[in-house]
Amino acid sequence: MNTVPVKADMSDWDQVHRAVQESRDGLGGFDIMINNSVNVVAGPFENHTKDDIDTTVHGSLTMMMYGAHAALEVMLPQGSGKIINIGAVGGRIQQRGLVVYNSCKSGVVGFTRNLAHEMAPRGVNVLACAPGIMIKPSMMEYLQRPTNDRERAARDSIVESIENYVQLGRAALPEEVANMVAFLASDAADYMCGQTIDVAGGQWMN
């Protein structure tokens, strides 16, 4: 399998579009876009600054729209392709300390559904995967040693979710989410359209 490394700042419209074009040119085609962007500022909403809100909205929703737009520049002329947005189960539930982020991820669900409705007749399919809580070493350190009120609020929300609302009682492994993305990218998912599939251990909220 050939790989072509391309560096781009997803917050920059021009760089994202350039990166997609370079990927297509380097690989000889562009059929699947795994569209993932996240930048979250956590903590009580009343403590957020304008920059906190702008950073989270831009990083967790706007940049995803940039990525999809760039992919469509290639996919629409060829009349085929699949865009898989990476959302979060937070887009379906409520969590303290994550008001802006979860609202953005609700936007990803709506963006996926509406973009799919617009693009399906033109040969481009749009789907999304919504992971739940994944714990990697850096996240574990973050949870164990919060240094300020904002980090403590985020930690408490994550711990509360795992203990009380994840039916399988544990965080996800990255490969469990990757497996779903691989399925959505495969021919086996070709009759799915506009859906966001949760991979969250049954995480829910009352």
N, C-alpha and C. Protein backbone atom coordinates (compact mmCIF):
# COMPACT_ATOMS: atom_id res chain seq x y z
N MET A 1 0.84 -1.20 0.00
CA MET A 1 0.00 0.00 0.00
C MET A 1 0.88 1.25 0.00
N ASN A 2 0.62 2.15 -0.92
CA ASN A 2 1.38 3.38 -1.00
C ASN A 2 0.85 4.41 -0.01
N THR A 3 1.77 5.18 0.54
CA THR A 3 1.39 6.29 1.41
C THR A 3 2.12 7.54 0.93
N VAL A 4 1.44 8.67 1.10
CA VAL A 4 2.03 9.95 0.72
C VAL A 4 1.81 10.92 1.88
N PRO A 5 2.87 11.27 2.61
CA PRO A 5 2.68 12.22 3.72
C PRO A 5 2.45 13.63 3.19
N VAL A 6 1.41 14.27 3.73
CA VAL A 6 1.10 15.65 3.34
C VAL A 6 0.83 16.43 4.62
N LYS A 7 1.51 17.53 4.79
CA LYS A 7 1.35 18.34 5.99
C LYS A 7 0.47 19.55 5.69
N ALA A 8 -0.50 19.80 6.58
CA ALA A 8 -1.37 20.96 6.40
C ALA A 8 -1.99 21.35 7.73
N ASP A 9 -2.29 22.61 7.88
CA ASP A 9 -3.00 23.14 9.02
C ASP A 9 -4.49 23.12 8.69
N MET A 10 -5.27 22.27 9.38
CA MET A 10 -6.67 22.13 9.06
C MET A 10 -7.48 23.38 9.34
N SER A 11 -6.92 24.31 10.09
CA SER A 11 -7.64 25.55 10.35
C SER A 11 -7.48 26.55 9.21
N ASP A 12 -6.65 26.21 8.24
CA ASP A 12 -6.37 27.09 7.11
C ASP A 12 -7.06 26.54 5.86
N TRP A 13 -8.05 27.26 5.37
CA TRP A 13 -8.84 26.84 4.22
C TRP A 13 -7.97 26.44 3.04
N ASP A 14 -7.02 27.28 2.69
CA ASP A 14 -6.19 27.03 1.52
C ASP A 14 -5.31 25.81 1.71
N GLN A 15 -4.74 25.65 2.91
CA GLN A 15 -3.87 24.50 3.14
C GLN A 15 -4.63 23.19 3.08
N VAL A 16 -5.84 23.17 3.60
CA VAL A 16 -6.65 21.94 3.55
C VAL A 16 -6.95 21.56 2.11
N HIS A 17 -7.35 22.52 1.31
CA HIS A 17 -7.67 22.23 -0.08
C HIS A 17 -6.42 21.79 -0.85
N ARG A 18 -5.29 22.42 -0.55
CA ARG A 18 -4.04 22.02 -1.19
C ARG A 18 -3.66 20.60 -0.81
N ALA A 19 -3.85 20.25 0.47
CA ALA A 19 -3.47 18.92 0.94
C ALA A 19 -4.27 17.82 0.25
N VAL A 20 -5.56 18.07 0.04
CA VAL A 20 -6.38 17.07 -0.65
C VAL A 20 -5.91 16.91 -2.09
N GLN A 21 -5.64 18.01 -2.76
CA GLN A 21 -5.15 17.93 -4.13
C GLN A 21 -3.82 17.19 -4.21
N GLU A 22 -2.92 17.48 -3.28
CA GLU A 22 -1.63 16.79 -3.26
C GLU A 22 -1.79 15.30 -2.98
N SER A 23 -2.73 14.96 -2.12
CA SER A 23 -2.99 13.55 -1.83
C SER A 23 -3.48 12.83 -3.08
N ARG A 24 -4.42 13.46 -3.77
CA ARG A 24 -4.93 12.85 -5.00
C ARG A 24 -3.82 12.67 -6.03
N ASP A 25 -3.00 13.70 -6.20
CA ASP A 25 -1.93 13.63 -7.20
C ASP A 25 -0.89 12.59 -6.81
N GLY A 26 -0.57 12.50 -5.51
CA GLY A 26 0.45 11.57 -5.06
C GLY A 26 0.01 10.13 -5.09
N LEU A 27 -1.27 9.89 -4.87
CA LEU A 27 -1.79 8.53 -4.80
C LEU A 27 -2.43 8.07 -6.11
N GLY A 28 -2.65 9.02 -7.00
CA GLY A 28 -3.29 8.67 -8.25
C GLY A 28 -4.79 8.55 -8.16
N GLY A 29 -5.38 9.08 -7.10
CA GLY A 29 -6.83 9.04 -6.92
C GLY A 29 -7.19 9.47 -5.52
N PHE A 30 -8.47 9.73 -5.31
CA PHE A 30 -8.93 10.16 -3.99
C PHE A 30 -10.38 9.71 -3.84
N ASP A 31 -10.57 8.62 -3.09
CA ASP A 31 -11.89 8.00 -3.00
C ASP A 31 -12.52 8.06 -1.62
N ILE A 32 -11.70 8.15 -0.56
CA ILE A 32 -12.21 8.12 0.81
C ILE A 32 -11.55 9.22 1.62
N MET A 33 -12.36 9.99 2.30
CA MET A 33 -11.86 11.04 3.19
C MET A 33 -12.27 10.70 4.62
N ILE A 34 -11.28 10.42 5.48
CA ILE A 34 -11.54 10.28 6.91
C ILE A 34 -11.35 11.67 7.49
N ASN A 35 -12.43 12.30 7.85
CA ASN A 35 -12.46 13.72 8.15
C ASN A 35 -12.53 13.92 9.66
N ASN A 36 -11.38 14.22 10.26
CA ASN A 36 -11.30 14.28 11.72
C ASN A 36 -10.62 15.57 12.15
N SER A 37 -11.27 16.33 12.99
CA SER A 37 -10.65 17.52 13.58
C SER A 37 -11.24 17.72 14.97
N VAL A 38 -10.39 18.12 15.90
CA VAL A 38 -10.88 18.38 17.26
C VAL A 38 -9.95 19.36 17.95
N ASN A 39 -10.54 20.28 18.64
CA ASN A 39 -9.81 21.20 19.50
C ASN A 39 -10.79 21.66 20.55
N VAL A 40 -10.64 21.18 21.77
CA VAL A 40 -11.66 21.40 22.78
C VAL A 40 -11.10 22.17 23.97
N VAL A 41 -11.84 23.16 24.40
CA VAL A 41 -11.58 23.84 25.66
C VAL A 41 -12.72 23.45 26.60
N ALA A 42 -12.39 22.76 27.67
CA ALA A 42 -13.40 22.26 28.61
C ALA A 42 -13.52 23.17 29.82
N GLY A 43 -14.58 22.97 30.58
CA GLY A 43 -14.79 23.73 31.80
C GLY A 43 -16.18 24.35 31.83
N PRO A 44 -16.56 24.93 32.96
CA PRO A 44 -17.88 25.56 33.06
C PRO A 44 -18.07 26.62 31.99
N PHE A 45 -19.24 26.63 31.38
CA PHE A 45 -19.47 27.53 30.25
C PHE A 45 -19.31 28.99 30.65
N GLU A 46 -19.73 29.34 31.87
CA GLU A 46 -19.66 30.75 32.26
C GLU A 46 -18.23 31.25 32.41
N ASN A 47 -17.28 30.33 32.48
CA ASN A 47 -15.87 30.72 32.58
C ASN A 47 -15.18 30.83 31.22
N HIS A 48 -15.88 30.44 30.16
CA HIS A 48 -15.27 30.50 28.83
C HIS A 48 -15.07 31.94 28.38
N THR A 49 -13.97 32.16 27.71
CA THR A 49 -13.74 33.43 27.03
C THR A 49 -14.21 33.30 25.58
N LYS A 50 -14.24 34.41 24.89
CA LYS A 50 -14.56 34.36 23.46
C LYS A 50 -13.58 33.47 22.72
N ASP A 51 -12.30 33.57 23.06
CA ASP A 51 -11.30 32.74 22.40
C ASP A 51 -11.53 31.25 22.67
N ASP A 52 -11.95 30.90 23.90
CA ASP A 52 -12.25 29.51 24.22
C ASP A 52 -13.36 28.98 23.30
N ILE A 53 -14.42 29.75 23.16
CA ILE A 53 -15.55 29.32 22.34
C ILE A 53 -15.14 29.24 20.88
N ASP A 54 -14.45 30.28 20.40
CA ASP A 54 -14.05 30.29 18.99
C ASP A 54 -13.10 29.14 18.68
N THR A 55 -12.18 28.86 19.59
CA THR A 55 -11.22 27.77 19.38
C THR A 55 -11.92 26.43 19.27
N THR A 56 -12.88 26.18 20.16
CA THR A 56 -13.57 24.90 20.16
C THR A 56 -14.47 24.75 18.94
N VAL A 57 -15.23 25.79 18.61
CA VAL A 57 -16.12 25.71 17.45
C VAL A 57 -15.32 25.54 16.17
N HIS A 58 -14.26 26.31 16.02
CA HIS A 58 -13.46 26.21 14.81
C HIS A 58 -12.78 24.85 14.71
N GLY A 59 -12.23 24.39 15.84
CA GLY A 59 -11.47 23.14 15.82
C GLY A 59 -12.32 21.89 15.75
N SER A 60 -13.55 21.95 16.24
CA SER A 60 -14.37 20.73 16.33
C SER A 60 -15.51 20.67 15.33
N LEU A 61 -15.74 21.75 14.59
CA LEU A 61 -16.81 21.73 13.59
C LEU A 61 -16.40 22.43 12.30
N THR A 62 -15.93 23.67 12.39
CA THR A 62 -15.61 24.42 11.18
C THR A 62 -14.53 23.73 10.35
N MET A 63 -13.47 23.25 11.01
CA MET A 63 -12.38 22.61 10.27
C MET A 63 -12.87 21.34 9.57
N MET A 64 -13.85 20.66 10.16
CA MET A 64 -14.41 19.47 9.51
C MET A 64 -15.14 19.87 8.22
N MET A 65 -15.82 21.01 8.26
CA MET A 65 -16.47 21.49 7.04
C MET A 65 -15.44 21.86 5.98
N TYR A 66 -14.32 22.44 6.40
CA TYR A 66 -13.24 22.72 5.45
C TYR A 66 -12.78 21.42 4.77
N GLY A 67 -12.57 20.39 5.57
CA GLY A 67 -12.09 19.12 5.04
C GLY A 67 -13.05 18.51 4.04
N ALA A 68 -14.33 18.52 4.38
CA ALA A 68 -15.33 17.96 3.47
C ALA A 68 -15.40 18.77 2.18
N HIS A 69 -15.34 20.07 2.29
CA HIS A 69 -15.39 20.92 1.10
C HIS A 69 -14.22 20.62 0.18
N ALA A 70 -13.04 20.46 0.77
CA ALA A 70 -11.85 20.14 -0.03
C ALA A 70 -12.00 18.79 -0.72
N ALA A 71 -12.54 17.80 -0.01
CA ALA A 71 -12.73 16.48 -0.60
C ALA A 71 -13.71 16.53 -1.76
N LEU A 72 -14.75 17.33 -1.63
CA LEU A 72 -15.77 17.40 -2.68
C LEU A 72 -15.23 18.02 -3.97
N GLU A 73 -14.21 18.85 -3.85
CA GLU A 73 -13.60 19.41 -5.07
C GLU A 73 -13.05 18.31 -5.97
N VAL A 74 -12.66 17.20 -5.36
CA VAL A 74 -12.16 16.06 -6.13
C VAL A 74 -13.28 15.07 -6.42
N MET A 75 -14.11 14.79 -5.43
CA MET A 75 -15.10 13.71 -5.57
C MET A 75 -16.25 14.05 -6.50
N LEU A 76 -16.72 15.28 -6.47
CA LEU A 76 -17.86 15.63 -7.32
C LEU A 76 -17.54 15.52 -8.81
N PRO A 77 -16.40 16.01 -9.28
CA PRO A 77 -16.10 15.85 -10.70
C PRO A 77 -16.00 14.39 -11.13
N GLN A 78 -15.53 13.51 -10.23
CA GLN A 78 -15.41 12.10 -10.60
C GLN A 78 -16.69 11.33 -10.35
N GLY A 79 -17.65 11.95 -9.65
CA GLY A 79 -18.96 11.33 -9.44
C GLY A 79 -18.96 10.19 -8.46
N SER A 80 -17.96 10.16 -7.56
CA SER A 80 -17.90 9.06 -6.58
C SER A 80 -17.01 9.49 -5.42
N GLY A 81 -17.16 8.77 -4.31
CA GLY A 81 -16.34 9.02 -3.13
C GLY A 81 -17.12 8.84 -1.87
N LYS A 82 -16.40 8.78 -0.78
CA LYS A 82 -17.03 8.61 0.53
C LYS A 82 -16.31 9.48 1.54
N ILE A 83 -17.08 10.27 2.27
CA ILE A 83 -16.55 11.11 3.34
C ILE A 83 -17.04 10.53 4.66
N ILE A 84 -16.10 10.26 5.57
CA ILE A 84 -16.45 9.72 6.89
C ILE A 84 -16.01 10.73 7.93
N ASN A 85 -16.98 11.42 8.51
CA ASN A 85 -16.70 12.39 9.56
C ASN A 85 -16.52 11.69 10.90
N ILE A 86 -15.60 12.19 11.70
CA ILE A 86 -15.41 11.65 13.05
C ILE A 86 -16.04 12.63 14.03
N GLY A 87 -17.14 12.19 14.62
CA GLY A 87 -17.84 13.01 15.60
C GLY A 87 -17.50 12.57 17.01
N ALA A 88 -18.52 12.52 17.86
CA ALA A 88 -18.35 12.05 19.23
C ALA A 88 -19.74 11.76 19.79
N VAL A 89 -19.81 10.77 20.66
CA VAL A 89 -21.09 10.46 21.28
C VAL A 89 -21.58 11.65 22.10
N GLY A 90 -20.66 12.55 22.49
CA GLY A 90 -21.06 13.77 23.18
C GLY A 90 -22.04 14.60 22.39
N GLY A 91 -22.10 14.40 21.08
CA GLY A 91 -23.06 15.11 20.26
C GLY A 91 -24.49 14.67 20.46
N ARG A 92 -24.67 13.57 21.18
CA ARG A 92 -26.02 13.04 21.43
C ARG A 92 -26.45 13.15 22.90
N ILE A 93 -25.52 13.50 23.78
CA ILE A 93 -25.81 13.48 25.21
C ILE A 93 -25.39 14.81 25.83
N GLN A 94 -25.65 14.93 27.13
CA GLN A 94 -25.24 16.13 27.85
C GLN A 94 -24.16 15.77 28.87
N GLN A 95 -23.16 16.64 28.98
CA GLN A 95 -22.06 16.44 29.93
C GLN A 95 -21.62 17.79 30.47
N ARG A 96 -21.48 17.86 31.78
CA ARG A 96 -20.99 19.10 32.39
C ARG A 96 -19.54 19.35 31.96
N GLY A 97 -19.23 20.60 31.71
CA GLY A 97 -17.88 20.97 31.34
C GLY A 97 -17.57 20.84 29.86
N LEU A 98 -18.53 20.35 29.09
CA LEU A 98 -18.29 20.14 27.66
C LEU A 98 -19.42 20.73 26.82
N VAL A 99 -19.99 21.82 27.28
CA VAL A 99 -21.15 22.41 26.62
C VAL A 99 -20.84 22.78 25.17
N VAL A 100 -19.75 23.50 24.96
CA VAL A 100 -19.44 23.97 23.61
C VAL A 100 -19.00 22.80 22.72
N TYR A 101 -18.13 21.96 23.23
CA TYR A 101 -17.65 20.82 22.46
C TYR A 101 -18.79 19.91 22.04
N ASN A 102 -19.65 19.53 22.99
CA ASN A 102 -20.75 18.63 22.65
C ASN A 102 -21.72 19.28 21.67
N SER A 103 -21.91 20.58 21.79
CA SER A 103 -22.76 21.28 20.82
C SER A 103 -22.15 21.20 19.42
N CYS A 104 -20.83 21.33 19.34
CA CYS A 104 -20.17 21.19 18.04
C CYS A 104 -20.36 19.78 17.48
N LYS A 105 -20.26 18.78 18.35
CA LYS A 105 -20.41 17.41 17.88
C LYS A 105 -21.85 17.10 17.51
N SER A 106 -22.81 17.78 18.13
CA SER A 106 -24.19 17.71 17.62
C SER A 106 -24.24 18.27 16.20
N GLY A 107 -23.46 19.32 15.99
CA GLY A 107 -23.38 19.90 14.66
C GLY A 107 -22.80 18.93 13.65
N VAL A 108 -21.86 18.09 14.06
CA VAL A 108 -21.28 17.10 13.15
C VAL A 108 -22.35 16.10 12.71
N VAL A 109 -23.20 15.69 13.65
CA VAL A 109 -24.30 14.77 13.29
C VAL A 109 -25.19 15.42 12.24
N GLY A 110 -25.58 16.68 12.47
CA GLY A 110 -26.43 17.37 11.52
C GLY A 110 -25.74 17.65 10.20
N PHE A 111 -24.47 18.01 10.27
CA PHE A 111 -23.70 18.26 9.06
C PHE A 111 -23.62 17.00 8.21
N THR A 112 -23.36 15.87 8.85
CA THR A 112 -23.27 14.60 8.14
C THR A 112 -24.59 14.27 7.45
N ARG A 113 -25.68 14.40 8.17
CA ARG A 113 -27.00 14.06 7.62
C ARG A 113 -27.36 14.97 6.44
N ASN A 114 -27.14 16.26 6.60
CA ASN A 114 -27.52 17.21 5.57
C ASN A 114 -26.61 17.15 4.35
N LEU A 115 -25.30 16.98 4.60
CA LEU A 115 -24.39 16.87 3.46
C LEU A 115 -24.67 15.60 2.67
N ALA A 116 -24.98 14.51 3.37
CA ALA A 116 -25.32 13.26 2.69
C ALA A 116 -26.55 13.44 1.81
N HIS A 117 -27.55 14.14 2.33
CA HIS A 117 -28.79 14.36 1.58
C HIS A 117 -28.51 15.15 0.30
N GLU A 118 -27.59 16.10 0.38
CA GLU A 118 -27.27 16.93 -0.78
C GLU A 118 -26.37 16.21 -1.78
N MET A 119 -25.47 15.35 -1.29
CA MET A 119 -24.45 14.77 -2.15
C MET A 119 -24.79 13.38 -2.69
N ALA A 120 -25.66 12.64 -2.02
CA ALA A 120 -25.94 11.27 -2.45
C ALA A 120 -26.40 11.20 -3.91
N PRO A 121 -27.27 12.09 -4.38
CA PRO A 121 -27.68 12.00 -5.79
C PRO A 121 -26.54 12.28 -6.77
N ARG A 122 -25.43 12.80 -6.26
CA ARG A 122 -24.30 13.14 -7.12
C ARG A 122 -23.15 12.15 -6.97
N GLY A 123 -23.41 11.04 -6.27
CA GLY A 123 -22.45 9.95 -6.21
C GLY A 123 -21.51 9.93 -5.02
N VAL A 124 -21.62 10.93 -4.12
CA VAL A 124 -20.74 10.99 -2.95
C VAL A 124 -21.54 10.64 -1.71
N ASN A 125 -21.06 9.67 -0.97
CA ASN A 125 -21.74 9.23 0.26
C ASN A 125 -21.05 9.85 1.48
N VAL A 126 -21.84 10.20 2.47
CA VAL A 126 -21.31 10.82 3.69
C VAL A 126 -21.84 10.07 4.89
N LEU A 127 -20.94 9.66 5.76
CA LEU A 127 -21.27 8.93 6.98
C LEU A 127 -20.45 9.50 8.13
N ALA A 128 -20.73 9.06 9.33
CA ALA A 128 -19.94 9.51 10.48
C ALA A 128 -19.84 8.41 11.51
N CYS A 129 -18.75 8.45 12.26
CA CYS A 129 -18.51 7.57 13.40
C CYS A 129 -18.40 8.45 14.63
N ALA A 130 -19.10 8.05 15.71
CA ALA A 130 -19.10 8.84 16.94
C ALA A 130 -18.48 8.04 18.07
N PRO A 131 -17.18 8.21 18.32
CA PRO A 131 -16.54 7.50 19.43
C PRO A 131 -17.04 8.02 20.78
N GLY A 132 -16.89 7.16 21.77
CA GLY A 132 -17.12 7.59 23.14
C GLY A 132 -15.80 7.98 23.78
N ILE A 133 -15.57 7.52 24.98
CA ILE A 133 -14.37 7.89 25.72
C ILE A 133 -13.23 6.92 25.39
N MET A 134 -12.11 7.46 24.93
CA MET A 134 -10.92 6.66 24.69
C MET A 134 -9.81 7.17 25.60
N ILE A 135 -9.16 6.27 26.29
CA ILE A 135 -8.10 6.64 27.23
C ILE A 135 -6.75 6.19 26.67
N LYS A 136 -5.92 7.17 26.35
CA LYS A 136 -4.54 6.88 25.95
C LYS A 136 -3.62 7.40 27.05
N PRO A 137 -2.32 7.12 27.01
CA PRO A 137 -1.44 7.52 28.11
C PRO A 137 -1.51 9.01 28.46
N SER A 138 -1.57 9.88 27.47
CA SER A 138 -1.62 11.31 27.77
C SER A 138 -2.93 11.68 28.46
N MET A 139 -4.03 11.02 28.07
CA MET A 139 -5.31 11.28 28.73
C MET A 139 -5.29 10.76 30.16
N MET A 140 -4.67 9.61 30.40
CA MET A 140 -4.59 9.08 31.76
C MET A 140 -3.84 10.03 32.67
N GLU A 141 -2.74 10.58 32.18
CA GLU A 141 -1.99 11.55 32.97
C GLU A 141 -2.83 12.79 33.25
N TYR A 142 -3.56 13.22 32.26
CA TYR A 142 -4.46 14.38 32.39
C TYR A 142 -5.51 14.14 33.46
N LEU A 143 -6.06 12.92 33.49
CA LEU A 143 -7.10 12.59 34.46
C LEU A 143 -6.55 12.46 35.87
N GLN A 144 -5.34 11.97 36.00
CA GLN A 144 -4.78 11.71 37.31
C GLN A 144 -4.23 12.97 37.98
N ARG A 145 -3.77 13.93 37.17
CA ARG A 145 -3.13 15.10 37.75
C ARG A 145 -3.67 16.40 37.15
N PRO A 146 -4.98 16.69 37.34
CA PRO A 146 -5.49 17.97 36.86
C PRO A 146 -4.85 19.12 37.63
N THR A 147 -4.56 20.20 36.92
CA THR A 147 -3.82 21.29 37.54
C THR A 147 -4.63 22.55 37.76
N ASN A 148 -5.86 22.59 37.23
CA ASN A 148 -6.67 23.78 37.42
C ASN A 148 -8.14 23.41 37.40
N ASP A 149 -9.00 24.39 37.65
CA ASP A 149 -10.44 24.13 37.73
C ASP A 149 -10.99 23.58 36.42
N ARG A 150 -10.48 24.07 35.31
CA ARG A 150 -10.96 23.61 34.01
C ARG A 150 -10.65 22.14 33.80
N GLU A 151 -9.42 21.73 34.11
CA GLU A 151 -9.05 20.33 33.95
C GLU A 151 -9.79 19.44 34.93
N ARG A 152 -10.01 19.93 36.15
CA ARG A 152 -10.76 19.13 37.12
C ARG A 152 -12.20 18.91 36.65
N ALA A 153 -12.81 19.93 36.06
CA ALA A 153 -14.18 19.79 35.56
C ALA A 153 -14.25 18.76 34.45
N ALA A 154 -13.27 18.80 33.54
CA ALA A 154 -13.24 17.83 32.45
C ALA A 154 -13.02 16.42 32.99
N ARG A 155 -12.09 16.27 33.94
CA ARG A 155 -11.83 14.96 34.53
C ARG A 155 -13.07 14.40 35.19
N ASP A 156 -13.75 15.22 35.98
CA ASP A 156 -14.92 14.76 36.71
C ASP A 156 -16.01 14.31 35.74
N SER A 157 -16.17 15.02 34.63
CA SER A 157 -17.17 14.64 33.64
C SER A 157 -16.85 13.30 33.00
N ILE A 158 -15.57 13.08 32.68
CA ILE A 158 -15.16 11.82 32.06
C ILE A 158 -15.32 10.66 33.02
N VAL A 159 -14.86 10.83 34.26
CA VAL A 159 -14.96 9.76 35.25
C VAL A 159 -16.42 9.44 35.54
N GLU A 160 -17.26 10.46 35.67
CA GLU A 160 -18.69 10.25 35.91
C GLU A 160 -19.31 9.45 34.77
N SER A 161 -18.93 9.78 33.56
CA SER A 161 -19.49 9.09 32.41
C SER A 161 -19.12 7.62 32.40
N ILE A 162 -17.83 7.31 32.64
CA ILE A 162 -17.40 5.91 32.63
C ILE A 162 -18.08 5.12 33.74
N GLU A 163 -18.16 5.70 34.92
CA GLU A 163 -18.69 4.97 36.06
C GLU A 163 -20.20 4.78 36.00
N ASN A 164 -20.91 5.75 35.43
CA ASN A 164 -22.37 5.73 35.55
C ASN A 164 -23.12 5.55 34.24
N TYR A 165 -22.49 5.85 33.11
CA TYR A 165 -23.26 5.92 31.88
C TYR A 165 -22.75 5.06 30.73
N VAL A 166 -21.57 4.46 30.87
CA VAL A 166 -21.06 3.57 29.82
C VAL A 166 -21.45 2.15 30.20
N GLN A 167 -22.34 1.57 29.44
CA GLN A 167 -22.89 0.27 29.83
C GLN A 167 -21.85 -0.82 29.90
N LEU A 168 -20.81 -0.75 29.07
CA LEU A 168 -19.75 -1.75 29.12
C LEU A 168 -18.74 -1.48 30.23
N GLY A 169 -18.84 -0.33 30.88
CA GLY A 169 -18.06 -0.05 32.08
C GLY A 169 -16.59 0.23 31.87
N ARG A 170 -16.22 0.62 30.65
CA ARG A 170 -14.81 0.92 30.40
C ARG A 170 -14.71 1.89 29.23
N ALA A 171 -13.54 2.49 29.10
CA ALA A 171 -13.27 3.34 27.96
C ALA A 171 -12.98 2.48 26.73
N ALA A 172 -13.07 3.12 25.56
CA ALA A 172 -12.82 2.41 24.31
C ALA A 172 -11.33 2.29 24.02
N LEU A 173 -10.97 1.26 23.27
CA LEU A 173 -9.65 1.15 22.69
C LEU A 173 -9.67 1.84 21.33
N PRO A 174 -8.61 2.54 20.96
CA PRO A 174 -8.60 3.23 19.65
C PRO A 174 -8.91 2.29 18.50
N GLU A 175 -8.42 1.05 18.57
CA GLU A 175 -8.65 0.14 17.45
C GLU A 175 -10.13 -0.25 17.31
N GLU A 176 -10.90 -0.16 18.41
CA GLU A 176 -12.32 -0.47 18.31
C GLU A 176 -13.05 0.58 17.48
N VAL A 177 -12.63 1.80 17.61
CA VAL A 177 -13.19 2.86 16.77
C VAL A 177 -12.68 2.74 15.35
N ALA A 178 -11.39 2.44 15.21
CA ALA A 178 -10.81 2.28 13.87
C ALA A 178 -11.50 1.16 13.09
N ASN A 179 -11.92 0.11 13.77
CA ASN A 179 -12.62 -0.98 13.10
C ASN A 179 -13.93 -0.50 12.48
N MET A 180 -14.65 0.37 13.19
CA MET A 180 -15.90 0.89 12.65
C MET A 180 -15.64 1.80 11.46
N VAL A 181 -14.60 2.62 11.56
CA VAL A 181 -14.26 3.50 10.44
C VAL A 181 -13.91 2.65 9.21
N ALA A 182 -13.16 1.59 9.41
CA ALA A 182 -12.79 0.71 8.30
C ALA A 182 -14.03 0.08 7.67
N PHE A 183 -14.99 -0.30 8.52
CA PHE A 183 -16.23 -0.87 7.99
C PHE A 183 -16.99 0.16 7.16
N LEU A 184 -17.12 1.37 7.68
CA LEU A 184 -17.86 2.41 6.95
C LEU A 184 -17.18 2.75 5.63
N ALA A 185 -15.87 2.63 5.59
CA ALA A 185 -15.13 2.91 4.36
C ALA A 185 -15.22 1.79 3.34
N SER A 186 -15.67 0.62 3.78
CA SER A 186 -15.66 -0.56 2.92
C SER A 186 -16.94 -0.64 2.08
N ASP A 187 -16.91 -1.55 1.10
CA ASP A 187 -18.09 -1.79 0.27
C ASP A 187 -19.27 -2.32 1.09
N ALA A 188 -18.98 -2.94 2.22
CA ALA A 188 -20.05 -3.52 3.04
C ALA A 188 -21.00 -2.45 3.58
N ALA A 189 -20.55 -1.20 3.62
CA ALA A 189 -21.39 -0.12 4.14
C ALA A 189 -21.96 0.77 3.04
N ASP A 190 -21.92 0.30 1.80
CA ASP A 190 -22.32 1.17 0.68
C ASP A 190 -23.80 1.52 0.67
N TYR A 191 -24.63 0.76 1.39
CA TYR A 191 -26.06 1.11 1.42
C TYR A 191 -26.42 1.92 2.65
N MET A 192 -25.43 2.35 3.39
CA MET A 192 -25.65 3.28 4.49
C MET A 192 -25.42 4.69 3.98
N CYS A 193 -26.19 5.64 4.50
CA CYS A 193 -26.07 7.01 3.98
C CYS A 193 -26.55 8.00 5.04
N GLY A 194 -25.69 8.97 5.38
CA GLY A 194 -26.09 10.04 6.29
C GLY A 194 -26.14 9.65 7.75
N GLN A 195 -25.76 8.44 8.08
CA GLN A 195 -25.88 7.97 9.45
C GLN A 195 -24.62 8.27 10.26
N THR A 196 -24.81 8.44 11.56
CA THR A 196 -23.70 8.56 12.51
C THR A 196 -23.77 7.36 13.44
N ILE A 197 -22.73 6.55 13.44
CA ILE A 197 -22.72 5.31 14.21
C ILE A 197 -21.91 5.50 15.47
N ASP A 198 -22.54 5.29 16.63
CA ASP A 198 -21.86 5.39 17.91
C ASP A 198 -20.97 4.18 18.16
N VAL A 199 -19.78 4.43 18.64
CA VAL A 199 -18.88 3.36 19.13
C VAL A 199 -18.47 3.82 20.52
N ALA A 200 -19.36 3.58 21.48
CA ALA A 200 -19.23 4.23 22.78
C ALA A 200 -19.58 3.34 23.96
N GLY A 201 -19.61 2.04 23.74
CA GLY A 201 -19.90 1.14 24.85
C GLY A 201 -21.28 1.31 25.44
N GLY A 202 -22.21 1.81 24.63
CA GLY A 202 -23.56 2.05 25.15
C GLY A 202 -23.67 3.28 26.01
N GLN A 203 -22.79 4.25 25.84
CA GLN A 203 -22.85 5.46 26.66
C GLN A 203 -24.15 6.22 26.40
N TRP A 204 -24.77 6.65 27.47
CA TRP A 204 -26.06 7.35 27.37
C TRP A 204 -26.20 8.31 28.54
N MET A 205 -27.21 9.14 28.48
CA MET A 205 -27.54 10.03 29.59
C MET A 205 -29.06 10.06 29.77
N ASN A 206 -29.50 10.28 31.01
CA ASN A 206 -30.93 10.45 31.24
C ASN A 206 -31.37 11.77 30.63
